[in-house]
N, C-alpha and C. Protein backbone atom coordinates (compact mmCIF):
# COMPACT_ATOMS: atom_id res chain seq x y z
N UNK A 1 -29.22 7.91 -11.75
CA UNK A 1 -29.77 8.65 -12.86
C UNK A 1 -28.84 9.75 -13.31
N UNK A 2 -27.91 10.12 -12.47
CA UNK A 2 -26.98 11.21 -12.81
C UNK A 2 -25.69 10.68 -13.42
N UNK A 3 -25.55 9.38 -13.60
CA UNK A 3 -24.33 8.82 -14.19
C UNK A 3 -23.19 8.73 -13.20
N UNK A 4 -23.49 8.69 -11.93
CA UNK A 4 -22.41 8.64 -10.90
C UNK A 4 -21.78 7.27 -10.89
N UNK A 5 -20.50 7.29 -10.54
CA UNK A 5 -19.72 6.06 -10.32
C UNK A 5 -19.45 5.98 -8.83
N UNK A 6 -19.74 4.85 -8.18
CA UNK A 6 -19.44 4.70 -6.79
C UNK A 6 -18.02 4.09 -6.67
N UNK A 7 -17.25 4.66 -5.76
CA UNK A 7 -15.90 4.15 -5.54
C UNK A 7 -15.77 3.86 -4.03
N UNK A 8 -15.43 2.59 -3.70
CA UNK A 8 -15.21 2.22 -2.37
C UNK A 8 -13.69 1.84 -2.16
N UNK A 9 -13.01 2.63 -1.42
CA UNK A 9 -11.57 2.35 -1.09
C UNK A 9 -11.56 1.51 0.17
N UNK A 10 -10.55 0.66 0.33
CA UNK A 10 -10.49 -0.23 1.48
C UNK A 10 -11.78 -1.03 1.60
N UNK A 11 -12.19 -1.61 0.47
CA UNK A 11 -13.46 -2.35 0.40
C UNK A 11 -13.63 -3.40 1.46
N UNK A 12 -12.56 -4.05 1.81
CA UNK A 12 -12.64 -5.14 2.82
C UNK A 12 -13.19 -4.65 4.17
N UNK A 13 -12.98 -3.36 4.46
CA UNK A 13 -13.50 -2.82 5.73
C UNK A 13 -15.02 -2.69 5.69
N UNK A 14 -15.61 -2.37 4.56
CA UNK A 14 -17.07 -2.19 4.44
C UNK A 14 -17.78 -3.50 4.05
N UNK A 15 -17.14 -4.30 3.25
CA UNK A 15 -17.79 -5.51 2.73
C UNK A 15 -17.09 -6.75 3.24
N UNK A 16 -16.74 -6.70 4.48
CA UNK A 16 -16.07 -7.87 5.10
C UNK A 16 -16.96 -9.07 5.26
N UNK A 17 -16.31 -10.20 5.45
CA UNK A 17 -17.05 -11.45 5.62
C UNK A 17 -17.94 -11.38 6.80
N UNK A 18 -19.13 -11.88 6.56
CA UNK A 18 -20.11 -11.98 7.72
C UNK A 18 -19.62 -13.14 8.59
N UNK A 19 -19.84 -12.95 9.87
CA UNK A 19 -19.28 -13.94 10.85
C UNK A 19 -20.39 -14.49 11.67
N UNK A 20 -19.99 -15.54 12.45
CA UNK A 20 -20.91 -16.12 13.42
C UNK A 20 -21.23 -15.05 14.48
N UNK A 21 -22.47 -14.99 14.83
CA UNK A 21 -22.91 -13.96 15.77
C UNK A 21 -22.58 -14.45 17.19
N UNK A 22 -21.66 -13.68 17.81
CA UNK A 22 -21.26 -13.96 19.20
C UNK A 22 -21.75 -12.85 20.15
N UNK A 23 -21.94 -11.64 19.60
CA UNK A 23 -22.45 -10.59 20.38
C UNK A 23 -23.15 -9.59 19.49
N UNK A 24 -23.69 -8.48 20.09
CA UNK A 24 -24.49 -7.52 19.31
C UNK A 24 -23.64 -6.86 18.22
N UNK A 25 -22.37 -6.66 18.44
CA UNK A 25 -21.53 -6.06 17.39
C UNK A 25 -21.53 -6.92 16.16
N UNK A 26 -21.37 -8.25 16.30
CA UNK A 26 -21.38 -9.13 15.16
C UNK A 26 -22.73 -9.09 14.42
N UNK A 27 -23.80 -9.01 15.21
CA UNK A 27 -25.14 -9.00 14.60
C UNK A 27 -25.28 -7.75 13.73
N UNK A 28 -24.90 -6.59 14.27
CA UNK A 28 -25.05 -5.34 13.50
C UNK A 28 -24.09 -5.27 12.34
N UNK A 29 -22.88 -5.79 12.48
CA UNK A 29 -21.95 -5.81 11.36
C UNK A 29 -22.53 -6.65 10.20
N UNK A 30 -23.09 -7.81 10.56
CA UNK A 30 -23.70 -8.67 9.54
C UNK A 30 -24.90 -7.97 8.89
N UNK A 31 -25.69 -7.26 9.64
CA UNK A 31 -26.84 -6.53 9.10
C UNK A 31 -26.38 -5.45 8.11
N UNK A 32 -25.30 -4.73 8.52
CA UNK A 32 -24.78 -3.68 7.64
C UNK A 32 -24.27 -4.28 6.32
N UNK A 33 -23.57 -5.41 6.43
CA UNK A 33 -23.05 -6.06 5.21
C UNK A 33 -24.21 -6.51 4.31
N UNK A 34 -25.25 -7.10 4.91
CA UNK A 34 -26.42 -7.50 4.12
C UNK A 34 -27.10 -6.30 3.46
N UNK A 35 -27.22 -5.24 4.24
CA UNK A 35 -27.85 -4.03 3.68
C UNK A 35 -27.10 -3.44 2.50
N UNK A 36 -25.77 -3.40 2.64
CA UNK A 36 -24.94 -2.93 1.55
C UNK A 36 -25.08 -3.79 0.30
N UNK A 37 -25.10 -5.09 0.52
CA UNK A 37 -25.27 -6.02 -0.58
C UNK A 37 -26.61 -5.78 -1.31
N UNK A 38 -27.67 -5.58 -0.58
CA UNK A 38 -28.97 -5.29 -1.20
C UNK A 38 -28.93 -3.98 -2.01
N UNK A 39 -28.33 -2.97 -1.38
CA UNK A 39 -28.27 -1.65 -2.04
C UNK A 39 -27.43 -1.69 -3.33
N UNK A 40 -26.33 -2.43 -3.27
CA UNK A 40 -25.49 -2.54 -4.49
C UNK A 40 -26.22 -3.26 -5.61
N UNK A 41 -26.98 -4.32 -5.22
CA UNK A 41 -27.72 -5.06 -6.24
C UNK A 41 -28.75 -4.20 -6.94
N UNK A 42 -29.29 -3.19 -6.26
CA UNK A 42 -30.29 -2.33 -6.88
C UNK A 42 -29.67 -1.14 -7.62
N UNK A 43 -28.37 -0.96 -7.53
CA UNK A 43 -27.71 0.15 -8.17
C UNK A 43 -27.36 -0.27 -9.60
N UNK A 44 -27.76 0.57 -10.60
CA UNK A 44 -27.56 0.27 -11.98
C UNK A 44 -26.26 0.79 -12.57
N UNK A 45 -25.58 1.59 -11.80
CA UNK A 45 -24.36 2.24 -12.33
C UNK A 45 -23.09 1.35 -12.11
N UNK A 46 -21.98 2.02 -12.28
CA UNK A 46 -20.69 1.37 -12.14
C UNK A 46 -20.21 1.54 -10.70
N UNK A 47 -19.72 0.43 -10.12
CA UNK A 47 -19.16 0.43 -8.77
C UNK A 47 -17.71 -0.05 -8.89
N UNK A 48 -16.78 0.78 -8.39
CA UNK A 48 -15.39 0.35 -8.33
C UNK A 48 -15.01 0.15 -6.90
N UNK A 49 -14.27 -0.90 -6.64
CA UNK A 49 -13.77 -1.24 -5.31
C UNK A 49 -12.33 -1.48 -5.29
N UNK A 50 -11.65 -0.99 -4.29
CA UNK A 50 -10.21 -1.19 -4.17
C UNK A 50 -9.90 -1.84 -2.83
N UNK A 51 -9.04 -2.79 -2.84
CA UNK A 51 -8.57 -3.43 -1.56
C UNK A 51 -7.25 -4.12 -1.78
N UNK A 52 -6.52 -4.28 -0.69
CA UNK A 52 -5.33 -5.10 -0.70
C UNK A 52 -5.62 -6.45 -0.08
N UNK A 53 -6.88 -6.65 0.42
CA UNK A 53 -7.21 -7.86 1.12
C UNK A 53 -8.48 -8.48 0.60
N UNK A 54 -8.45 -8.84 -0.70
CA UNK A 54 -9.67 -9.42 -1.30
C UNK A 54 -10.16 -10.68 -0.58
N UNK A 55 -9.23 -11.39 0.07
CA UNK A 55 -9.68 -12.60 0.74
C UNK A 55 -10.55 -12.30 1.97
N UNK A 56 -10.60 -11.05 2.37
CA UNK A 56 -11.46 -10.68 3.53
C UNK A 56 -12.83 -10.18 3.14
N UNK A 57 -13.13 -10.14 1.87
CA UNK A 57 -14.42 -9.65 1.38
C UNK A 57 -15.42 -10.82 1.36
N UNK A 58 -16.63 -10.52 1.79
CA UNK A 58 -17.70 -11.50 1.83
C UNK A 58 -17.89 -12.18 0.46
N UNK A 59 -18.06 -13.48 0.48
CA UNK A 59 -18.22 -14.27 -0.78
C UNK A 59 -19.39 -13.81 -1.58
N UNK A 60 -20.43 -13.33 -0.93
CA UNK A 60 -21.63 -12.87 -1.68
C UNK A 60 -21.26 -11.66 -2.54
N UNK A 61 -20.38 -10.83 -2.08
CA UNK A 61 -19.93 -9.68 -2.91
C UNK A 61 -19.06 -10.19 -4.08
N UNK A 62 -18.16 -11.09 -3.77
CA UNK A 62 -17.21 -11.59 -4.76
C UNK A 62 -18.01 -12.18 -5.91
N UNK A 63 -19.05 -12.92 -5.61
CA UNK A 63 -19.89 -13.55 -6.69
C UNK A 63 -20.50 -12.51 -7.62
N UNK A 64 -20.72 -11.30 -7.10
CA UNK A 64 -21.37 -10.29 -7.88
C UNK A 64 -20.42 -9.36 -8.60
N UNK A 65 -19.15 -9.55 -8.37
CA UNK A 65 -18.15 -8.72 -9.09
C UNK A 65 -17.94 -9.27 -10.46
N UNK A 66 -18.12 -8.47 -11.45
CA UNK A 66 -18.00 -8.97 -12.85
C UNK A 66 -16.55 -8.89 -13.38
N UNK A 67 -15.70 -8.10 -12.77
CA UNK A 67 -14.35 -7.98 -13.25
C UNK A 67 -13.41 -7.69 -12.07
N UNK A 68 -12.34 -8.48 -11.96
CA UNK A 68 -11.35 -8.22 -10.91
C UNK A 68 -10.00 -7.91 -11.59
N UNK A 69 -9.42 -6.81 -11.28
CA UNK A 69 -8.15 -6.41 -11.86
C UNK A 69 -7.11 -6.48 -10.72
N UNK A 70 -6.13 -7.31 -10.92
CA UNK A 70 -5.06 -7.47 -9.92
C UNK A 70 -3.86 -6.62 -10.34
N UNK A 71 -3.36 -5.80 -9.40
CA UNK A 71 -2.15 -5.04 -9.67
C UNK A 71 -1.02 -5.63 -8.81
N UNK A 72 -0.17 -6.43 -9.46
CA UNK A 72 0.90 -7.03 -8.70
C UNK A 72 1.94 -6.02 -8.32
N UNK A 73 2.82 -6.37 -7.37
CA UNK A 73 3.92 -5.52 -7.01
C UNK A 73 4.82 -5.31 -8.22
N UNK A 74 5.40 -4.15 -8.33
CA UNK A 74 6.31 -3.94 -9.48
C UNK A 74 7.56 -4.80 -9.36
N UNK A 75 8.06 -5.18 -10.53
CA UNK A 75 9.30 -5.99 -10.57
C UNK A 75 10.49 -5.01 -10.35
N UNK A 76 11.72 -5.57 -10.29
CA UNK A 76 12.89 -4.78 -10.00
C UNK A 76 13.07 -3.57 -11.02
N UNK A 77 12.84 -3.86 -12.28
CA UNK A 77 12.96 -2.84 -13.27
C UNK A 77 11.95 -1.67 -13.08
N UNK A 78 10.73 -2.06 -12.77
CA UNK A 78 9.70 -1.07 -12.50
C UNK A 78 10.02 -0.28 -11.18
N UNK A 79 10.51 -1.02 -10.17
CA UNK A 79 10.89 -0.33 -8.91
C UNK A 79 12.00 0.64 -9.18
N UNK A 80 12.98 0.32 -10.03
CA UNK A 80 14.05 1.26 -10.33
C UNK A 80 13.49 2.55 -10.93
N UNK A 81 12.60 2.39 -11.85
CA UNK A 81 12.02 3.58 -12.46
C UNK A 81 11.21 4.40 -11.43
N UNK A 82 10.54 3.70 -10.51
CA UNK A 82 9.77 4.35 -9.49
C UNK A 82 10.70 5.14 -8.55
N UNK A 83 11.80 4.46 -8.14
CA UNK A 83 12.74 5.14 -7.23
C UNK A 83 13.26 6.42 -7.88
N UNK A 84 13.62 6.35 -9.13
CA UNK A 84 14.12 7.53 -9.83
C UNK A 84 13.06 8.64 -9.96
N UNK A 85 11.84 8.21 -10.23
CA UNK A 85 10.77 9.17 -10.47
C UNK A 85 10.29 9.89 -9.22
N UNK A 86 10.52 9.33 -8.07
CA UNK A 86 10.07 9.92 -6.82
C UNK A 86 10.87 11.05 -6.31
N UNK A 87 12.04 11.25 -6.85
CA UNK A 87 12.96 12.36 -6.39
C UNK A 87 12.80 13.52 -7.36
N UNK A 88 12.15 14.61 -6.88
CA UNK A 88 12.13 15.77 -7.80
C UNK A 88 13.52 16.37 -7.97
N UNK A 89 13.71 17.04 -9.07
CA UNK A 89 15.00 17.66 -9.38
C UNK A 89 15.48 18.60 -8.28
N UNK A 90 14.54 19.31 -7.66
CA UNK A 90 14.89 20.29 -6.67
C UNK A 90 15.32 19.68 -5.32
N UNK A 91 15.04 18.39 -5.15
CA UNK A 91 15.40 17.77 -3.86
C UNK A 91 16.88 17.57 -3.72
N UNK A 92 17.49 18.18 -2.68
CA UNK A 92 18.93 17.93 -2.50
C UNK A 92 19.16 16.46 -2.17
N UNK A 93 20.01 15.81 -2.94
CA UNK A 93 20.30 14.37 -2.73
C UNK A 93 21.76 14.08 -2.98
N UNK A 94 22.22 13.16 -2.23
CA UNK A 94 23.62 12.67 -2.38
C UNK A 94 23.72 11.91 -3.70
N UNK A 95 24.74 12.19 -4.48
CA UNK A 95 24.92 11.50 -5.73
C UNK A 95 25.23 9.97 -5.59
N UNK A 96 25.54 9.57 -4.38
CA UNK A 96 25.89 8.16 -4.12
C UNK A 96 24.71 7.25 -3.79
N UNK A 97 23.53 7.71 -4.03
CA UNK A 97 22.34 6.85 -3.75
C UNK A 97 22.31 5.71 -4.74
N UNK A 98 22.28 4.54 -4.21
CA UNK A 98 22.35 3.28 -5.00
C UNK A 98 20.94 2.80 -5.34
N UNK A 99 20.35 3.40 -6.39
CA UNK A 99 18.99 3.09 -6.75
C UNK A 99 18.87 1.62 -7.25
N UNK A 100 19.87 1.10 -7.88
CA UNK A 100 19.82 -0.28 -8.34
C UNK A 100 19.71 -1.22 -7.15
N UNK A 101 20.49 -0.97 -6.10
CA UNK A 101 20.40 -1.79 -4.90
C UNK A 101 19.00 -1.75 -4.29
N UNK A 102 18.46 -0.54 -4.18
CA UNK A 102 17.14 -0.34 -3.58
C UNK A 102 16.09 -1.11 -4.37
N UNK A 103 16.18 -1.05 -5.70
CA UNK A 103 15.20 -1.69 -6.58
C UNK A 103 15.30 -3.20 -6.47
N UNK A 104 16.51 -3.73 -6.42
CA UNK A 104 16.73 -5.17 -6.38
C UNK A 104 16.47 -5.77 -5.02
N UNK A 105 16.84 -5.07 -3.96
CA UNK A 105 16.84 -5.62 -2.63
C UNK A 105 15.44 -5.59 -1.97
N UNK A 106 14.63 -4.59 -2.23
CA UNK A 106 13.38 -4.42 -1.48
C UNK A 106 12.15 -4.46 -2.37
N UNK A 107 11.32 -5.51 -2.17
CA UNK A 107 10.08 -5.63 -2.95
C UNK A 107 9.05 -4.71 -2.35
N UNK A 108 8.92 -3.51 -2.87
CA UNK A 108 8.00 -2.50 -2.35
C UNK A 108 7.02 -2.10 -3.45
N UNK A 109 5.85 -1.70 -2.98
CA UNK A 109 4.87 -1.12 -3.93
C UNK A 109 5.27 0.31 -4.27
N UNK A 110 4.61 0.86 -5.28
CA UNK A 110 4.91 2.27 -5.61
C UNK A 110 4.57 3.19 -4.47
N UNK A 111 3.49 2.89 -3.75
CA UNK A 111 3.08 3.72 -2.57
C UNK A 111 4.11 3.63 -1.46
N UNK A 112 4.68 2.44 -1.22
CA UNK A 112 5.67 2.30 -0.19
C UNK A 112 6.96 2.95 -0.57
N UNK A 113 7.32 2.94 -1.84
CA UNK A 113 8.51 3.70 -2.28
C UNK A 113 8.29 5.19 -2.09
N UNK A 114 7.14 5.69 -2.49
CA UNK A 114 6.80 7.06 -2.28
C UNK A 114 6.92 7.48 -0.81
N UNK A 115 6.36 6.66 0.05
CA UNK A 115 6.37 6.95 1.48
C UNK A 115 7.80 6.91 2.04
N UNK A 116 8.62 5.99 1.52
CA UNK A 116 9.99 5.91 1.95
C UNK A 116 10.80 7.15 1.53
N UNK A 117 10.54 7.63 0.32
CA UNK A 117 11.22 8.82 -0.14
C UNK A 117 10.83 10.03 0.71
N UNK A 118 9.51 10.14 1.02
CA UNK A 118 9.03 11.24 1.84
C UNK A 118 9.63 11.17 3.24
N UNK A 119 9.68 9.99 3.81
CA UNK A 119 10.28 9.86 5.15
C UNK A 119 11.78 10.18 5.13
N UNK A 120 12.41 9.73 4.06
CA UNK A 120 13.89 10.06 3.93
C UNK A 120 14.11 11.56 3.78
N UNK A 121 13.20 12.22 3.08
CA UNK A 121 13.32 13.65 2.93
C UNK A 121 13.18 14.39 4.27
N UNK A 122 12.24 13.91 5.09
CA UNK A 122 12.05 14.49 6.40
C UNK A 122 13.27 14.24 7.29
N UNK A 123 13.83 13.03 7.21
CA UNK A 123 15.02 12.73 8.00
C UNK A 123 16.14 13.64 7.61
N UNK A 124 16.35 13.83 6.28
CA UNK A 124 17.43 14.71 5.80
C UNK A 124 17.17 16.15 6.22
N UNK A 125 15.96 16.64 6.15
CA UNK A 125 15.65 17.99 6.49
C UNK A 125 15.89 18.20 8.00
N UNK A 126 15.58 17.21 8.80
CA UNK A 126 15.85 17.32 10.19
C UNK A 126 17.29 17.51 10.52
N UNK A 127 18.17 16.84 9.71
CA UNK A 127 19.62 16.99 9.86
C UNK A 127 20.18 18.19 9.10
N UNK A 128 19.39 18.76 8.25
CA UNK A 128 19.89 19.86 7.45
C UNK A 128 20.84 19.43 6.33
N UNK A 129 20.61 18.21 5.81
CA UNK A 129 21.47 17.65 4.80
C UNK A 129 20.68 17.21 3.57
N UNK A 130 21.44 16.79 2.60
CA UNK A 130 20.82 16.18 1.41
C UNK A 130 20.36 14.76 1.73
N UNK A 131 19.37 14.23 1.04
CA UNK A 131 18.92 12.86 1.22
C UNK A 131 20.06 11.97 0.79
N UNK A 132 20.36 11.00 1.67
CA UNK A 132 21.41 10.03 1.32
C UNK A 132 20.96 8.60 1.60
N UNK A 133 21.79 7.65 1.31
CA UNK A 133 21.45 6.22 1.49
C UNK A 133 21.04 5.88 2.88
N UNK A 134 21.68 6.45 3.89
CA UNK A 134 21.30 6.16 5.26
C UNK A 134 19.83 6.59 5.53
N UNK A 135 19.47 7.75 5.05
CA UNK A 135 18.08 8.26 5.25
C UNK A 135 17.11 7.27 4.56
N UNK A 136 17.44 6.91 3.31
CA UNK A 136 16.53 6.09 2.54
C UNK A 136 16.41 4.68 3.20
N UNK A 137 17.48 4.13 3.61
CA UNK A 137 17.43 2.79 4.22
C UNK A 137 16.68 2.80 5.55
N UNK A 138 16.82 3.81 6.31
CA UNK A 138 16.04 3.94 7.58
C UNK A 138 14.56 4.00 7.22
N UNK A 139 14.21 4.78 6.18
CA UNK A 139 12.84 4.95 5.75
C UNK A 139 12.27 3.61 5.18
N UNK A 140 13.10 2.88 4.44
CA UNK A 140 12.66 1.61 3.89
C UNK A 140 12.41 0.61 5.05
N UNK A 141 13.28 0.62 6.02
CA UNK A 141 13.12 -0.28 7.16
C UNK A 141 11.80 0.05 7.89
N UNK A 142 11.49 1.35 8.01
CA UNK A 142 10.26 1.75 8.61
C UNK A 142 9.06 1.29 7.82
N UNK A 143 9.08 1.44 6.49
CA UNK A 143 8.00 1.00 5.63
C UNK A 143 7.74 -0.45 5.73
N UNK A 144 8.84 -1.25 5.71
CA UNK A 144 8.69 -2.70 5.81
C UNK A 144 8.14 -3.13 7.17
N UNK A 145 8.56 -2.42 8.23
CA UNK A 145 8.06 -2.75 9.57
C UNK A 145 6.57 -2.48 9.65
N UNK A 146 6.06 -1.52 8.93
CA UNK A 146 4.60 -1.26 8.88
C UNK A 146 3.85 -2.47 8.25
N UNK A 147 4.57 -3.17 7.38
CA UNK A 147 3.96 -4.33 6.71
C UNK A 147 4.21 -5.64 7.52
N UNK A 148 4.80 -5.43 8.71
CA UNK A 148 5.07 -6.62 9.54
C UNK A 148 6.35 -7.38 9.22
N UNK A 149 7.20 -6.77 8.37
CA UNK A 149 8.46 -7.41 8.07
C UNK A 149 9.62 -6.80 8.89
N UNK A 150 10.33 -7.67 9.58
CA UNK A 150 11.40 -7.20 10.40
C UNK A 150 12.74 -7.40 9.63
N UNK A 151 13.46 -6.35 9.53
CA UNK A 151 14.78 -6.42 8.86
C UNK A 151 15.87 -6.29 9.94
N UNK A 152 16.88 -7.17 9.82
CA UNK A 152 17.98 -7.13 10.72
C UNK A 152 19.15 -6.42 10.02
N UNK A 153 20.12 -6.08 10.75
CA UNK A 153 21.31 -5.36 10.23
C UNK A 153 21.90 -6.09 9.03
N UNK A 154 22.01 -7.39 9.12
CA UNK A 154 22.56 -8.20 8.05
C UNK A 154 21.78 -8.18 6.78
N UNK A 155 20.48 -7.82 6.86
CA UNK A 155 19.61 -7.80 5.66
C UNK A 155 20.00 -6.62 4.72
N UNK A 156 20.83 -5.70 5.21
CA UNK A 156 21.21 -4.56 4.40
C UNK A 156 22.57 -4.72 3.70
N UNK A 157 23.11 -5.92 3.81
CA UNK A 157 24.36 -6.21 3.09
C UNK A 157 25.44 -5.16 3.33
N UNK A 158 25.98 -4.66 2.21
CA UNK A 158 27.08 -3.70 2.29
C UNK A 158 26.65 -2.40 2.94
N UNK A 159 25.38 -2.16 3.10
CA UNK A 159 24.87 -0.92 3.71
C UNK A 159 24.52 -1.11 5.18
N UNK A 160 24.88 -2.28 5.76
CA UNK A 160 24.61 -2.55 7.17
C UNK A 160 25.31 -1.62 8.11
N UNK A 161 26.33 -0.88 7.60
CA UNK A 161 27.06 0.08 8.43
C UNK A 161 26.18 1.22 8.88
N UNK A 162 25.08 1.43 8.25
CA UNK A 162 24.15 2.48 8.59
C UNK A 162 23.28 2.13 9.77
N UNK A 163 23.37 0.86 10.28
CA UNK A 163 22.49 0.43 11.36
C UNK A 163 23.28 -0.05 12.52
């Protein structure tokens, strides 16, 4: 009645697929999912849901979603713009940072690029130096490992000397 919009982040965690009941945890998880489904059906307002794992959402919820907007990973040109935009003017940085290489070589989301820049800044601050390619590459490797991707020294091409 107040015009509220409901927003669920990490939707897959709340609206996950119901499973075969093997123990009491499964039973209560299924009950919670069914309850949420009933409550959403009775809500007349707008519900926004965000997830990276739409395949893990219960099919009953998917059937009730009227619009799905997919945000694909940025392409190399978009990643280049993101890399440049993440470095504030005040941040001390080495002029030799190869932004084109970073954009072409690593398929990262905007959030992963932001996290890599933050990690690189912390690495540089720890050393008392400007952010350089070595810091950024270590941070990128860390970001990709969080996603389950293992990079070997050879994956860094001409920059493998940093590893």
